[in-house]
Amino acid sequence: MNWMRDTYFALFMKNQRTACLVAFLVCLGAGACRDTNDTRMQRFLLQSNAMLKDHQAERAEYYLKEALKIDSCFADAWNNLGTLYFSQKEYVKAMEQYDQALQCKSDYLAAYFNRANTAYELKAYYKALSDIDKIIAVKPDTATAYFMRGLNLTRLRDFSGALKAFRVAQQRDPDNAEIIVNLGTVYYYQRAYDSARLMLTHASLLDPDEPNVYNTLAMIHLVNHQYDSAARMIDKALALSPDDAYFINNRGYLALLTNRLDEGREDVDKSIMTDPDNGWAYRNKGLYFLLKGNVSEAVRLLEKAHTMDPFIERVDLYLGDAYLAAGDRAKGCLHLEEAVKRGDLEVKEKTAKCR
């Protein structure tokens, strides 16, 4: 998702650079070297952008705040300040800045895009969808808005709605491999594996270097117990993106499922070190302890994963098994019932465990 935010930020800064150059020309042509407030604000904006490119976040923040001292309702500065905080994963602070930008300029589409992106990271999916609807009302032909809509509906487990959104995005941008990968991913969540493979194959033809194609294919092989094929796909994804925390975690998950427990834990721990917010890795670490017979640690880590992101697959299944192993039948069967609702467990299997 970050590519969308960065694109809008770059376009915005390009426009601001043009405006600032015009202001300087007017000043020089008139022989009046005294800066107007607008010229000073634009200069601070440009200086902030330069500091960002030079990875000097504190200086970038300083210049934006200097611009806001001149005009406390300078929407462009609020928007860019939000983008700065977003890049530092300070999503709550980023949201506050985008709110300010939109209070000052209620038709600011770039800020709506950015706020929706931030809401997605905060798991405030309905808030994101509200902003996306505002964008679509003004720009109904933009593929990005429908792509974002599909992402949020996926997280809300509205898979039918997500497919519709991604299809509209594909109609508007038919050669975008990322859109087609997400179509394949939704089919995977629906367990429509043939349709998922078809989409992912199409995406790989458009962009053979898109690693998520191979990662999702690996997950399809995993659920079908095709472990050798899954390993080949994960290795292909990692060859394209060696430091991706999710791909490393999935390699660890495969190791756990094939009884290579210590090897699996090594990858899971590496994934957590790379991205401490990766709830899927905590699920897998919980599974590791469940398989090792350390039930209390399994419950702790699986509950952590569930709290971090209830969307995570099979977390209720593993939590149910962990609580049953700990002798807590009530909690165990409650989680297994949820696993049945999500399609992670057959009714007959749940019944056998909860007699």
Protein backbone atom coordinates (compact mmCIF):
# COMPACT_ATOMS: atom_id res chain seq x y z
CA MET A 1 0.00 0.00 0.00
CA ASN A 2 2.85 2.44 0.65
CA TRP A 3 3.44 2.96 -3.07
CA MET A 4 0.09 4.76 -3.31
CA ARG A 5 0.87 7.21 -0.52
CA ASP A 6 4.36 7.92 -1.83
CA THR A 7 3.05 8.53 -5.34
CA TYR A 8 0.59 11.13 -4.18
CA PHE A 9 3.22 12.77 -1.99
CA ALA A 10 5.65 12.98 -4.91
CA LEU A 11 3.02 14.49 -7.20
CA PHE A 12 2.09 16.99 -4.54
CA MET A 13 5.67 18.07 -4.02
CA LYS A 14 6.20 18.40 -7.77
CA ASN A 15 3.24 20.77 -7.95
CA GLN A 16 4.52 22.77 -4.99
CA ARG A 17 7.96 23.15 -6.55
CA THR A 18 6.36 24.70 -9.65
CA ALA A 19 4.33 27.10 -7.56
CA CYS A 20 7.37 28.15 -5.56
CA LEU A 21 9.45 28.87 -8.65
CA VAL A 22 6.68 31.10 -9.98
CA ALA A 23 6.66 33.01 -6.70
CA PHE A 24 10.41 33.63 -6.89
CA LEU A 25 10.15 34.87 -10.46
CA VAL A 26 7.45 37.36 -9.52
CA CYS A 27 9.60 38.64 -6.64
CA LEU A 28 12.66 39.06 -8.83
CA GLY A 29 10.76 40.65 -11.69
CA ALA A 30 9.20 43.23 -9.43
CA GLY A 31 12.51 43.98 -7.73
CA ALA A 32 10.92 43.29 -4.37
CA CYS A 33 13.07 40.84 -2.43
CA ARG A 34 10.85 40.74 0.59
CA ASP A 35 9.21 37.31 0.87
CA THR A 36 5.49 36.98 1.12
CA ASN A 37 4.08 34.55 3.69
CA ASP A 38 3.02 32.23 0.88
CA THR A 39 6.55 32.17 -0.57
CA ARG A 40 8.03 31.40 2.85
CA MET A 41 5.55 28.57 3.43
CA GLN A 42 6.32 27.06 0.03
CA ARG A 43 10.05 27.32 0.75
CA PHE A 44 9.59 25.50 4.08
CA LEU A 45 7.65 22.83 2.23
CA LEU A 46 10.48 22.35 -0.26
CA GLN A 47 13.10 22.36 2.47
CA SER A 48 11.14 19.70 4.32
CA ASN A 49 10.96 17.57 1.19
CA ALA A 50 14.72 17.90 0.70
CA MET A 51 15.34 16.80 4.29
CA LEU A 52 13.09 13.76 3.77
CA LYS A 53 15.09 12.75 0.69
CA ASP A 54 18.24 13.10 2.78
CA HIS A 55 16.68 10.94 5.55
CA GLN A 56 16.70 13.80 8.04
CA ALA A 57 13.23 13.33 9.50
CA GLU A 58 13.68 15.74 12.41
CA ARG A 59 14.68 18.59 10.11
CA ALA A 60 11.81 17.76 7.77
CA GLU A 61 9.40 17.98 10.71
CA TYR A 62 10.97 21.28 11.81
CA TYR A 63 10.40 22.97 8.44
CA LEU A 64 6.79 21.78 8.24
CA LYS A 65 6.08 23.16 11.70
CA GLU A 66 7.72 26.44 10.72
CA ALA A 67 5.30 26.66 7.80
CA LEU A 68 2.40 26.06 10.20
CA LYS A 69 3.58 28.90 12.41
CA ILE A 70 2.90 31.21 9.47
CA ASP A 71 -0.50 29.67 8.70
CA SER A 72 -1.95 27.22 11.18
CA CYS A 73 -4.41 26.04 8.51
CA PHE A 74 -1.84 25.30 5.80
CA ALA A 75 -3.36 22.01 4.67
CA ASP A 76 -0.38 20.93 2.56
CA ALA A 77 1.94 21.10 5.57
CA TRP A 78 -0.49 19.10 7.74
CA ASN A 79 -0.77 16.48 5.00
CA ASN A 80 3.00 16.17 4.58
CA LEU A 81 3.48 16.04 8.33
CA GLY A 82 1.06 13.11 8.38
CA THR A 83 3.08 11.41 5.65
CA LEU A 84 6.26 11.94 7.66
CA TYR A 85 4.74 10.27 10.74
CA PHE A 86 3.27 7.49 8.58
CA SER A 87 6.75 6.71 7.24
CA GLN A 88 7.86 6.29 10.87
CA LYS A 89 4.89 3.98 11.56
CA GLU A 90 3.43 6.51 14.00
CA TYR A 91 -0.04 5.92 12.63
CA VAL A 92 -2.06 7.61 15.39
CA LYS A 93 -0.02 10.81 15.01
CA ALA A 94 -0.31 10.57 11.22
CA MET A 95 -4.09 10.30 11.49
CA GLU A 96 -4.22 13.47 13.61
CA GLN A 97 -2.32 15.43 10.95
CA TYR A 98 -4.56 14.21 8.13
CA ASP A 99 -7.61 15.15 10.22
CA GLN A 100 -6.17 18.66 10.53
CA ALA A 101 -5.47 18.87 6.80
CA LEU A 102 -9.06 17.95 6.00
CA GLN A 103 -10.47 20.37 8.56
CA CYS A 104 -8.57 23.12 6.74
CA LYS A 105 -9.35 21.86 3.23
CA SER A 106 -12.39 19.60 3.09
CA ASP A 107 -11.98 18.67 -0.60
CA TYR A 108 -8.30 17.62 -0.29
CA LEU A 109 -8.29 14.26 -2.11
CA ALA A 110 -4.64 13.42 -1.40
CA ALA A 111 -5.34 13.75 2.34
CA TYR A 112 -8.39 11.47 2.00
CA PHE A 113 -6.20 8.86 0.29
CA ASN A 114 -3.56 9.19 2.98
CA ARG A 115 -6.05 9.09 5.85
CA ALA A 116 -7.69 5.98 4.39
CA ASN A 117 -4.25 4.37 4.09
CA THR A 118 -3.54 5.22 7.72
CA ALA A 119 -6.92 3.93 8.89
CA TYR A 120 -6.11 0.63 7.18
CA GLU A 121 -2.87 0.34 9.16
CA LEU A 122 -4.80 1.11 12.36
CA LYS A 123 -7.34 -1.60 11.45
CA ALA A 124 -10.06 1.08 11.35
CA TYR A 125 -11.50 -0.45 8.21
CA TYR A 126 -14.92 1.22 8.27
CA LYS A 127 -13.27 4.63 8.67
CA ALA A 128 -11.04 3.86 5.69
CA LEU A 129 -14.05 2.83 3.62
CA SER A 130 -15.81 6.08 4.49
CA ASP A 131 -12.89 8.10 3.09
CA ILE A 132 -12.63 5.85 0.05
CA ASP A 133 -16.33 6.46 -0.72
CA LYS A 134 -15.63 10.21 -0.68
CA ILE A 135 -12.79 9.72 -3.17
CA ILE A 136 -14.89 7.55 -5.49
CA ALA A 137 -17.70 10.13 -5.42
CA VAL A 138 -15.29 12.70 -6.89
CA LYS A 139 -12.98 10.40 -8.91
CA PRO A 140 -15.03 7.34 -9.91
CA ASP A 141 -12.48 6.24 -12.50
CA THR A 142 -9.51 5.87 -10.15
CA ALA A 143 -8.31 2.28 -9.85
CA THR A 144 -6.44 3.03 -6.62
CA ALA A 145 -9.61 3.84 -4.67
CA TYR A 146 -11.25 0.54 -5.65
CA PHE A 147 -8.02 -1.30 -4.89
CA MET A 148 -8.02 0.22 -1.40
CA ARG A 149 -11.69 -0.64 -1.03
CA GLY A 150 -10.90 -4.26 -1.85
CA LEU A 151 -8.10 -4.39 0.73
CA ASN A 152 -10.35 -3.10 3.51
CA LEU A 153 -13.26 -5.39 2.61
CA THR A 154 -10.85 -8.34 2.61
CA ARG A 155 -9.83 -7.53 6.18
CA LEU A 156 -13.52 -7.31 7.13
CA ARG A 157 -13.91 -10.82 5.63
CA ASP A 158 -16.39 -9.47 3.09
CA PHE A 159 -14.77 -11.51 0.38
CA SER A 160 -17.60 -11.10 -2.15
CA GLY A 161 -17.43 -7.32 -1.77
CA ALA A 162 -13.64 -7.41 -2.01
CA LEU A 163 -13.78 -9.37 -5.28
CA LYS A 164 -16.19 -6.81 -6.76
CA ALA A 165 -13.92 -3.93 -5.76
CA PHE A 166 -10.78 -5.57 -7.13
CA ARG A 167 -12.57 -6.40 -10.40
CA VAL A 168 -13.55 -2.76 -10.85
CA ALA A 169 -9.93 -1.78 -10.12
CA GLN A 170 -8.78 -4.32 -12.72
CA GLN A 171 -11.18 -2.89 -15.32
CA ARG A 172 -9.61 0.53 -14.79
CA ASP A 173 -6.03 -0.77 -14.73
CA PRO A 174 -6.00 -4.17 -16.46
CA ASP A 175 -2.23 -4.63 -16.53
CA ASN A 176 -1.65 -4.01 -12.81
CA ALA A 177 -0.24 -7.26 -11.42
CA GLU A 178 -0.78 -6.17 -7.80
CA ILE A 179 -4.53 -5.92 -8.32
CA ILE A 180 -4.64 -9.40 -9.87
CA VAL A 181 -2.53 -10.87 -7.05
CA ASN A 182 -5.11 -9.55 -4.59
CA LEU A 183 -7.92 -11.09 -6.63
CA GLY A 184 -6.06 -14.39 -6.35
CA THR A 185 -5.56 -13.89 -2.63
CA VAL A 186 -9.28 -13.34 -2.04
CA TYR A 187 -10.05 -16.51 -3.99
CA TYR A 188 -7.54 -18.26 -1.72
CA TYR A 189 -9.41 -17.01 1.36
CA GLN A 190 -12.64 -18.30 -0.20
CA ARG A 191 -10.88 -21.64 -0.76
CA ALA A 192 -11.53 -21.33 -4.49
CA TYR A 193 -8.04 -22.59 -5.22
CA ASP A 194 -8.42 -23.14 -8.99
CA SER A 195 -9.59 -19.55 -9.46
CA ALA A 196 -6.77 -18.34 -7.22
CA ARG A 197 -4.16 -20.19 -9.29
CA LEU A 198 -5.63 -18.77 -12.50
CA MET A 199 -5.34 -15.20 -11.20
CA LEU A 200 -1.84 -15.73 -9.83
CA THR A 201 -0.63 -17.28 -13.08
CA HIS A 202 -2.00 -14.27 -14.95
CA ALA A 203 -0.24 -11.91 -12.52
CA SER A 204 3.06 -13.76 -12.98
CA LEU A 205 2.84 -13.25 -16.75
CA LEU A 206 2.32 -9.51 -16.22
CA ASP A 207 5.11 -9.24 -13.65
CA PRO A 208 7.32 -12.31 -13.14
CA ASP A 209 9.19 -10.46 -10.39
CA GLU A 210 6.16 -9.91 -8.13
CA PRO A 211 7.06 -12.06 -5.06
CA ASN A 212 3.53 -12.13 -3.63
CA VAL A 213 2.49 -14.31 -6.56
CA TYR A 214 4.78 -17.09 -5.33
CA ASN A 215 4.05 -16.53 -1.65
CA THR A 216 0.30 -16.96 -2.23
CA LEU A 217 0.87 -20.00 -4.43
CA ALA A 218 2.95 -21.42 -1.57
CA MET A 219 0.01 -20.98 0.81
CA ILE A 220 -2.27 -22.83 -1.61
CA HIS A 221 0.20 -25.71 -1.74
CA LEU A 222 0.47 -25.69 2.07
CA VAL A 223 -3.25 -26.10 2.71
CA ASN A 224 -3.28 -28.96 0.20
CA HIS A 225 -0.31 -30.63 1.97
CA GLN A 226 1.90 -30.23 -1.13
CA TYR A 227 4.92 -29.34 0.95
CA ASP A 228 7.65 -29.73 -1.68
CA SER A 229 5.79 -27.43 -4.07
CA ALA A 230 5.17 -24.96 -1.23
CA ALA A 231 8.89 -24.89 -0.42
CA ARG A 232 9.79 -24.14 -4.06
CA MET A 233 7.33 -21.24 -4.17
CA ILE A 234 8.50 -19.75 -0.85
CA ASP A 235 12.10 -19.98 -2.01
CA LYS A 236 11.15 -18.16 -5.20
CA ALA A 237 9.41 -15.39 -3.22
CA LEU A 238 12.42 -15.02 -0.92
CA ALA A 239 14.83 -14.92 -3.87
CA LEU A 240 12.96 -11.81 -5.03
CA SER A 241 12.51 -10.29 -1.56
CA PRO A 242 14.99 -11.88 0.89
CA ASP A 243 14.16 -9.71 3.91
CA ASP A 244 10.37 -9.91 3.78
CA ALA A 245 9.18 -10.82 7.29
CA TYR A 246 6.03 -12.55 6.03
CA PHE A 247 7.86 -14.76 3.54
CA ILE A 248 10.45 -15.74 6.18
CA ASN A 249 7.61 -16.51 8.59
CA ASN A 250 5.86 -18.70 6.01
CA ARG A 251 9.06 -20.67 5.48
CA GLY A 252 9.12 -21.19 9.23
CA TYR A 253 5.48 -22.28 9.20
CA LEU A 254 6.24 -24.87 6.54
CA ALA A 255 9.10 -26.18 8.68
CA LEU A 256 6.76 -26.51 11.68
CA LEU A 257 4.17 -28.39 9.62
CA THR A 258 6.84 -30.81 8.43
CA ASN A 259 8.17 -31.46 11.97
CA ARG A 260 11.38 -29.44 11.60
CA LEU A 261 10.56 -27.55 14.77
CA ASP A 262 13.86 -25.89 15.64
CA GLU A 263 14.38 -24.81 12.03
CA GLY A 264 10.86 -23.40 12.02
CA ARG A 265 11.36 -21.46 15.23
CA GLU A 266 14.56 -19.93 13.88
CA ASP A 267 12.67 -18.45 10.92
CA VAL A 268 9.72 -17.35 13.06
CA ASP A 269 12.04 -15.54 15.48
CA LYS A 270 13.82 -13.90 12.54
CA SER A 271 10.46 -12.73 11.21
CA ILE A 272 9.54 -11.18 14.56
CA MET A 273 12.90 -9.40 14.78
CA THR A 274 12.37 -8.01 11.25
CA ASP A 275 8.78 -6.94 11.94
CA PRO A 276 7.64 -7.01 15.60
CA ASP A 277 4.07 -6.21 14.48
CA ASN A 278 3.73 -9.42 12.49
CA GLY A 279 0.90 -11.22 14.27
CA TRP A 280 1.20 -14.24 11.95
CA ALA A 281 4.68 -14.89 13.34
CA TYR A 282 3.35 -14.90 16.91
CA ARG A 283 0.73 -17.43 15.82
CA ASN A 284 3.48 -19.63 14.45
CA LYS A 285 5.61 -19.24 17.57
CA GLY A 286 2.56 -20.27 19.59
CA LEU A 287 2.18 -23.30 17.32
CA TYR A 288 5.84 -24.14 17.91
CA PHE A 289 5.32 -24.25 21.68
CA LEU A 290 2.09 -26.22 21.25
CA LEU A 291 3.98 -28.83 19.22
CA LYS A 292 6.76 -28.87 21.86
CA GLY A 293 4.20 -29.45 24.63
CA ASN A 294 4.70 -26.08 26.38
CA VAL A 295 0.99 -25.37 26.60
CA SER A 296 1.05 -22.24 28.78
CA GLU A 297 3.51 -20.48 26.45
CA ALA A 298 1.47 -21.61 23.44
CA VAL A 299 -1.70 -20.08 24.90
CA ARG A 300 0.09 -16.82 25.72
CA LEU A 301 1.52 -16.36 22.24
CA LEU A 302 -1.60 -17.46 20.40
CA GLU A 303 -3.72 -15.05 22.46
CA LYS A 304 -1.21 -12.32 21.60
CA ALA A 305 -1.57 -13.10 17.90
CA HIS A 306 -5.37 -13.14 18.20
CA THR A 307 -5.35 -9.74 19.92
CA MET A 308 -2.96 -8.27 17.37
CA ASP A 309 -5.06 -9.36 14.41
CA PRO A 310 -8.17 -11.57 14.67
CA PHE A 311 -8.08 -11.98 10.86
CA ILE A 312 -5.12 -14.37 11.12
CA GLU A 313 -5.93 -17.80 9.73
CA ARG A 314 -6.13 -20.86 12.01
CA VAL A 315 -5.37 -18.86 15.14
CA ASP A 316 -8.67 -20.02 16.69
CA LEU A 317 -7.93 -23.60 15.66
CA TYR A 318 -4.54 -23.58 17.40
CA LEU A 319 -5.90 -21.68 20.40
CA GLY A 320 -8.67 -24.24 20.77
CA ASP A 321 -6.18 -27.10 20.73
CA ALA A 322 -3.92 -25.26 23.20
CA TYR A 323 -6.73 -24.62 25.69
CA LEU A 324 -7.92 -28.24 25.43
CA ALA A 325 -4.35 -29.40 26.10
CA ALA A 326 -4.30 -27.08 29.14
CA GLY A 327 -7.52 -28.67 30.44
CA ASP A 328 -9.75 -25.65 29.74
CA ARG A 329 -12.52 -27.32 27.75
CA ALA A 330 -14.84 -24.30 27.74
CA LYS A 331 -12.36 -21.92 26.13
CA GLY A 332 -10.98 -24.64 23.90
CA CYS A 333 -14.34 -25.56 22.42
CA LEU A 334 -15.32 -21.89 22.07
CA HIS A 335 -12.29 -21.24 19.89
CA LEU A 336 -12.84 -24.44 17.92
CA GLU A 337 -16.42 -23.35 17.22
CA GLU A 338 -15.03 -20.10 15.80
CA ALA A 339 -12.56 -22.13 13.72
CA VAL A 340 -15.52 -24.02 12.25
CA LYS A 341 -17.28 -20.75 11.36
CA ARG A 342 -14.15 -19.55 9.58
CA GLY A 343 -13.72 -22.79 7.66
CA ASP A 344 -10.51 -23.81 9.40
CA LEU A 345 -12.01 -26.94 10.97
CA GLU A 346 -14.65 -29.49 9.94
CA VAL A 347 -17.72 -29.84 12.19
CA LYS A 348 -17.01 -33.53 12.73
CA GLU A 349 -13.46 -32.75 13.85
CA LYS A 350 -14.71 -30.17 16.32
CA THR A 351 -17.32 -32.61 17.63
CA ALA A 352 -14.67 -35.30 18.13
CA LYS A 353 -12.48 -32.87 20.12
CA CYS A 354 -15.31 -31.47 22.24
CA ARG A 355 -17.23 -34.57 23.26
